[in-house]
Structure formats: structure tokens, C-alpha cells
Amino acid sequence: MGSAAVRARTPCGNATAMAEAQDIPEIIKGIVDVPQRDVVLLLEVGYLYMEMNRHDEAREVFEGVAALIPHSEVPHMALGHMYFSMGRFNPALKAHQQAVTLNPEAPAAHASVGETLFFLRRPAEAMKSLDKAIELDPDGPAGELARALREAHGLGVFG
């Protein structure tokens, strides 16, 4: 799954939006070959658990998907979103950074790293991540998010 897969951040429809945002093969190569629709369904289940505040179950689902398709940044982005929503910014940063490691061309991962760094009061590092997101996705949703975060920082939103 590529970086466009993590553009939508609303809980329901996340995995479906991820699948529609790019050309994902019908079969995803991982530890075992998995039909793309099954991966999407698993991610959707994780987001539903997250929305129900059943974070342990959501974490288990996302970690399971990460183990199933270890080359993909997508389940790490989901984990990062979950931790971020809980206010657990250090684990969120770690998950988003793992997503960047797995796919350095994922603009949404860079934008999420930047956003999380702002909440950790590390604005200089945040700006670098946001610049990378804008460079990778100048006219897309990740670039738009990165520009909005930069603007919010300029207005003093993050302190």
C-alpha cells in the first residue's frame, strides 16, 4: 500500500478511502498473500475499535496487519493515529516515524510526524517534516495538511 492510502483520517471509511485513493493490487504480498479487501476490512475494524475507545483491541488489529504486511507503512500510520487520538504523542511519533522508514515517499507519514512533533514542542523538527510532506505532495491532501499545520504554527496555535 502506498502513501496515498493514509490520506483520510476519519474513523469510518478510513480503510475504504485508503483503497480507493490509489491503485492497490488485488493481492497484497506479505508474509502470506492477502486479498486487498481483507486488509482493508482489518484496518476498518481497527478504526472502529479505536472509535469505540477500545484501544487495546485496535492496537492488536493494527499490529496484526503490520505483521501480516511488514513492508507497508499504512498500519503504522493507523497506530500513530490511535496513539495521537489518545494524547500519547511519543508512541504516536514512533509509529509515524516507522511509517516514514518503511516508505520515505509517503507524504501523509511526513505530515503526521510533523503534526506530532508540534505536540511534543519540537517545532524546528516539525517544520522539516512538513516541508517534506509538501515537497512530496504539493497539490494533494497531505501537502494541504502540512501547509495548514505550518500556518497554525505561525499563528501560535502550538505554543
C-alpha atoms as a PDB file:
ATOM      1  CA  MET A   1       0.000   0.000   0.000  1.00  0.00           C
ATOM      2  CA  GLY A   2       1.360   3.393  -0.875  1.00  0.00           C
ATOM      3  CA  SER A   3       1.274   6.746   0.810  1.00  0.00           C
ATOM      4  CA  ALA A   4      -1.986   7.886  -0.718  1.00  0.00           C
ATOM      5  CA  ALA A   5      -3.526   5.142   1.327  1.00  0.00           C
ATOM      6  CA  VAL A   6      -3.386   7.158   4.511  1.00  0.00           C
ATOM      7  CA  ARG A   7      -4.958  10.374   3.391  1.00  0.00           C
ATOM      8  CA  ALA A   8      -8.338  10.024   5.048  1.00  0.00           C
ATOM      9  CA  ARG A   9      -8.286  10.407   8.813  1.00  0.00           C
ATOM     10  CA  THR A  10     -11.904   9.960   9.780  1.00  0.00           C
ATOM     11  CA  PRO A  11     -12.587   6.677  11.594  1.00  0.00           C
ATOM     12  CA  CYS A  12     -15.286   5.102   9.435  1.00  0.00           C
ATOM     13  CA  GLY A  13     -14.353   4.828   5.816  1.00  0.00           C
ATOM     14  CA  ASN A  14     -10.630   5.152   6.505  1.00  0.00           C
ATOM     15  CA  ALA A  15      -9.626   1.843   5.040  1.00  0.00           C
ATOM     16  CA  THR A  16     -12.050   2.155   2.156  1.00  0.00           C
ATOM     17  CA  ALA A  17     -10.718   5.619   1.342  1.00  0.00           C
ATOM     18  CA  MET A  18      -7.194   4.247   1.536  1.00  0.00           C
ATOM     19  CA  ALA A  19      -8.003   1.581  -1.005  1.00  0.00           C
ATOM     20  CA  GLU A  20      -9.771   3.966  -3.358  1.00  0.00           C
ATOM     21  CA  ALA A  21      -7.031   6.611  -3.148  1.00  0.00           C
ATOM     22  CA  GLN A  22      -4.611   4.541  -5.174  1.00  0.00           C
ATOM     23  CA  ASP A  23      -4.191   1.525  -7.341  1.00  0.00           C
ATOM     24  CA  ILE A  24      -3.723  -1.228  -4.775  1.00  0.00           C
ATOM     25  CA  PRO A  25      -3.181  -4.709  -6.196  1.00  0.00           C
ATOM     26  CA  GLU A  26      -5.942  -7.229  -5.624  1.00  0.00           C
ATOM     27  CA  ILE A  27      -3.488  -9.411  -3.720  1.00  0.00           C
ATOM     28  CA  ILE A  28      -1.081  -7.811  -1.260  1.00  0.00           C
ATOM     29  CA  LYS A  29       2.211  -9.626  -0.920  1.00  0.00           C
ATOM     30  CA  GLY A  30       3.231 -10.070   2.686  1.00  0.00           C
ATOM     31  CA  ILE A  31       4.136 -12.926   4.965  1.00  0.00           C
ATOM     32  CA  VAL A  32       1.267 -14.634   3.174  1.00  0.00           C
ATOM     33  CA  ASP A  33      -0.540 -13.272   0.164  1.00  0.00           C
ATOM     34  CA  VAL A  34      -3.660 -11.478   1.354  1.00  0.00           C
ATOM     35  CA  PRO A  35      -6.582 -10.190  -0.689  1.00  0.00           C
ATOM     36  CA  GLN A  36      -6.570  -6.405  -0.602  1.00  0.00           C
ATOM     37  CA  ARG A  37     -10.191  -6.308   0.542  1.00  0.00           C
ATOM     38  CA  ASP A  38      -9.250  -8.367   3.637  1.00  0.00           C
ATOM     39  CA  VAL A  39      -6.502  -5.912   4.580  1.00  0.00           C
ATOM     40  CA  VAL A  40      -8.921  -3.021   4.098  1.00  0.00           C
ATOM     41  CA  LEU A  41     -11.510  -4.777   6.260  1.00  0.00           C
ATOM     42  CA  LEU A  42      -8.984  -5.439   9.028  1.00  0.00           C
ATOM     43  CA  LEU A  43      -7.899  -1.802   9.052  1.00  0.00           C
ATOM     44  CA  GLU A  44     -11.528  -0.712   9.154  1.00  0.00           C
ATOM     45  CA  VAL A  45     -12.125  -2.979  12.158  1.00  0.00           C
ATOM     46  CA  GLY A  46      -9.138  -1.391  13.891  1.00  0.00           C
ATOM     47  CA  TYR A  47     -10.506   2.105  13.271  1.00  0.00           C
ATOM     48  CA  LEU A  48     -13.937   1.042  14.551  1.00  0.00           C
ATOM     49  CA  TYR A  49     -12.352  -0.287  17.753  1.00  0.00           C
ATOM     50  CA  MET A  50     -10.454   2.977  18.049  1.00  0.00           C
ATOM     51  CA  GLU A  51     -13.665   4.970  17.654  1.00  0.00           C
ATOM     52  CA  MET A  52     -15.284   2.880  20.398  1.00  0.00           C
ATOM     53  CA  ASN A  53     -12.325   3.655  22.698  1.00  0.00           C
ATOM     54  CA  ARG A  54     -11.322   0.006  22.663  1.00  0.00           C
ATOM     55  CA  HIS A  55      -7.704   0.914  22.138  1.00  0.00           C
ATOM     56  CA  ASP A  56      -6.194  -2.419  23.162  1.00  0.00           C
ATOM     57  CA  GLU A  57      -8.217  -4.213  20.507  1.00  0.00           C
ATOM     58  CA  ALA A  58      -7.430  -1.524  17.919  1.00  0.00           C
ATOM     59  CA  ARG A  59      -3.716  -1.787  18.706  1.00  0.00           C
ATOM     60  CA  GLU A  60      -3.856  -5.576  18.343  1.00  0.00           C
ATOM     61  CA  VAL A  61      -5.571  -5.289  14.962  1.00  0.00           C
ATOM     62  CA  PHE A  62      -3.139  -2.667  13.636  1.00  0.00           C
ATOM     63  CA  GLU A  63      -0.115  -4.580  14.931  1.00  0.00           C
ATOM     64  CA  GLY A  64      -1.517  -7.751  13.371  1.00  0.00           C
ATOM     65  CA  VAL A  65      -1.858  -6.041   9.998  1.00  0.00           C
ATOM     66  CA  ALA A  66       1.680  -4.674  10.378  1.00  0.00           C
ATOM     67  CA  ALA A  67       2.947  -8.214  10.983  1.00  0.00           C
ATOM     68  CA  LEU A  68       0.948  -9.519   8.025  1.00  0.00           C
ATOM     69  CA  ILE A  69       2.264  -6.882   5.593  1.00  0.00           C
ATOM     70  CA  PRO A  70       5.557  -5.781   7.151  1.00  0.00           C
ATOM     71  CA  HIS A  71       6.589  -3.690   4.125  1.00  0.00           C
ATOM     72  CA  SER A  72       3.603  -1.329   4.410  1.00  0.00           C
ATOM     73  CA  GLU A  73       3.534   1.996   6.236  1.00  0.00           C
ATOM     74  CA  VAL A  74      -0.274   2.000   6.452  1.00  0.00           C
ATOM     75  CA  PRO A  75      -0.798   0.000   9.671  1.00  0.00           C
ATOM     76  CA  HIS A  76       1.900   2.083  11.374  1.00  0.00           C
ATOM     77  CA  MET A  77       0.062   5.240  10.358  1.00  0.00           C
ATOM     78  CA  ALA A  78      -3.102   3.775  11.881  1.00  0.00           C
ATOM     79  CA  LEU A  79      -1.256   3.004  15.116  1.00  0.00           C
ATOM     80  CA  GLY A  80       0.123   6.524  15.160  1.00  0.00           C
ATOM     81  CA  HIS A  81      -3.344   7.991  14.656  1.00  0.00           C
ATOM     82  CA  MET A  82      -4.661   5.891  17.516  1.00  0.00           C
ATOM     83  CA  TYR A  83      -1.918   6.963  19.916  1.00  0.00           C
ATOM     84  CA  PHE A  84      -2.267  10.584  18.807  1.00  0.00           C
ATOM     85  CA  SER A  85      -6.020  10.489  19.486  1.00  0.00           C
ATOM     86  CA  MET A  86      -5.220   9.257  22.998  1.00  0.00           C
ATOM     87  CA  GLY A  87      -2.775  12.109  23.612  1.00  0.00           C
ATOM     88  CA  ARG A  88       0.122   9.641  23.694  1.00  0.00           C
ATOM     89  CA  PHE A  89       2.415  11.645  21.469  1.00  0.00           C
ATOM     90  CA  ASN A  90       5.681   9.750  21.984  1.00  0.00           C
ATOM     91  CA  PRO A  91       4.293   6.387  20.823  1.00  0.00           C
ATOM     92  CA  ALA A  92       2.427   8.233  18.043  1.00  0.00           C
ATOM     93  CA  LEU A  93       5.695   9.750  16.870  1.00  0.00           C
ATOM     94  CA  LYS A  94       7.439   6.375  16.971  1.00  0.00           C
ATOM     95  CA  ALA A  95       4.675   4.777  14.863  1.00  0.00           C
ATOM     96  CA  HIS A  96       4.661   7.622  12.327  1.00  0.00           C
ATOM     97  CA  GLN A  97       8.455   7.566  12.092  1.00  0.00           C
ATOM     98  CA  GLN A  98       8.287   3.827  11.410  1.00  0.00           C
ATOM     99  CA  ALA A  99       5.867   4.605   8.585  1.00  0.00           C
ATOM    100  CA  VAL A 100       8.399   7.071   7.129  1.00  0.00           C
ATOM    101  CA  THR A 101      11.154   4.472   7.470  1.00  0.00           C
ATOM    102  CA  LEU A 102       9.069   1.925   5.578  1.00  0.00           C
ATOM    103  CA  ASN A 103       8.049   4.396   2.885  1.00  0.00           C
ATOM    104  CA  PRO A 104      10.109   7.605   2.754  1.00  0.00           C
ATOM    105  CA  GLU A 105       7.928   8.760  -0.160  1.00  0.00           C
ATOM    106  CA  ALA A 106       4.730   8.762   1.948  1.00  0.00           C
ATOM    107  CA  PRO A 107       3.720  12.411   2.312  1.00  0.00           C
ATOM    108  CA  ALA A 108       0.983  11.640   4.857  1.00  0.00           C
ATOM    109  CA  ALA A 109       3.551   9.958   7.091  1.00  0.00           C
ATOM    110  CA  HIS A 110       5.780  13.036   6.975  1.00  0.00           C
ATOM    111  CA  ALA A 111       2.810  15.317   7.709  1.00  0.00           C
ATOM    112  CA  SER A 112       1.806  13.149  10.670  1.00  0.00           C
ATOM    113  CA  VAL A 113       5.363  13.184  12.019  1.00  0.00           C
ATOM    114  CA  GLY A 114       5.321  16.976  11.769  1.00  0.00           C
ATOM    115  CA  GLU A 115       1.952  17.293  13.475  1.00  0.00           C
ATOM    116  CA  THR A 116       3.053  15.031  16.320  1.00  0.00           C
ATOM    117  CA  LEU A 117       6.327  16.911  16.753  1.00  0.00           C
ATOM    118  CA  PHE A 118       4.375  20.138  17.268  1.00  0.00           C
ATOM    119  CA  PHE A 119       2.512  18.498  20.142  1.00  0.00           C
ATOM    120  CA  LEU A 120       5.851  17.393  21.571  1.00  0.00           C
ATOM    121  CA  ARG A 121       7.047  21.024  21.384  1.00  0.00           C
ATOM    122  CA  ARG A 122       9.698  20.311  18.760  1.00  0.00           C
ATOM    123  CA  PRO A 123       8.733  22.887  16.125  1.00  0.00           C
ATOM    124  CA  ALA A 124      12.013  23.017  14.171  1.00  0.00           C
ATOM    125  CA  GLU A 125      11.845  19.270  13.505  1.00  0.00           C
ATOM    126  CA  ALA A 126       8.115  19.536  12.785  1.00  0.00           C
ATOM    127  CA  MET A 127       8.721  22.147  10.096  1.00  0.00           C
ATOM    128  CA  LYS A 128      11.258  19.903   8.338  1.00  0.00           C
ATOM    129  CA  SER A 129       8.771  17.032   8.231  1.00  0.00           C
ATOM    130  CA  LEU A 130       6.036  19.328   6.948  1.00  0.00           C
ATOM    131  CA  ASP A 131       8.340  20.699   4.257  1.00  0.00           C
ATOM    132  CA  LYS A 132       8.997  17.132   3.110  1.00  0.00           C
ATOM    133  CA  ALA A 133       5.257  16.374   3.001  1.00  0.00           C
ATOM    134  CA  ILE A 134       4.689  19.496   0.877  1.00  0.00           C
ATOM    135  CA  GLU A 135       7.574  18.566  -1.413  1.00  0.00           C
ATOM    136  CA  LEU A 136       6.142  15.065  -1.941  1.00  0.00           C
ATOM    137  CA  ASP A 137       2.505  16.102  -2.294  1.00  0.00           C
ATOM    138  CA  PRO A 138       2.383  19.790  -3.270  1.00  0.00           C
ATOM    139  CA  ASP A 139      -1.222  19.764  -4.520  1.00  0.00           C
ATOM    140  CA  GLY A 140      -2.652  16.827  -2.589  1.00  0.00           C
ATOM    141  CA  PRO A 141      -4.238  16.311   0.803  1.00  0.00           C
ATOM    142  CA  ALA A 142      -1.003  15.600   2.708  1.00  0.00           C
ATOM    143  CA  GLY A 143       0.581  18.769   1.345  1.00  0.00           C
ATOM    144  CA  GLU A 144      -2.568  20.695   2.201  1.00  0.00           C
ATOM    145  CA  LEU A 145      -2.498  19.348   5.764  1.00  0.00           C
ATOM    146  CA  ALA A 146       1.184  20.248   6.066  1.00  0.00           C
ATOM    147  CA  ARG A 147       0.548  23.817   4.867  1.00  0.00           C
ATOM    148  CA  ALA A 148      -2.356  24.183   7.329  1.00  0.00           C
ATOM    149  CA  LEU A 149      -0.151  22.957  10.180  1.00  0.00           C
ATOM    150  CA  ARG A 150       2.597  25.404   9.185  1.00  0.00           C
ATOM    151  CA  GLU A 151       0.054  28.220   9.144  1.00  0.00           C
ATOM    152  CA  ALA A 152      -1.312  27.183  12.557  1.00  0.00           C
ATOM    153  CA  HIS A 153       2.225  27.196  13.922  1.00  0.00           C
ATOM    154  CA  GLY A 154       2.758  30.682  12.501  1.00  0.00           C
ATOM    155  CA  LEU A 155      -0.383  31.825  14.317  1.00  0.00           C
ATOM    156  CA  GLY A 156       0.937  30.431  17.608  1.00  0.00           C
ATOM    157  CA  VAL A 157      -1.567  27.583  17.876  1.00  0.00           C
ATOM    158  CA  PHE A 158       1.037  25.122  19.165  1.00  0.00           C
ATOM    159  CA  GLY A 159       2.504  27.496  21.749  1.00  0.00           C
END
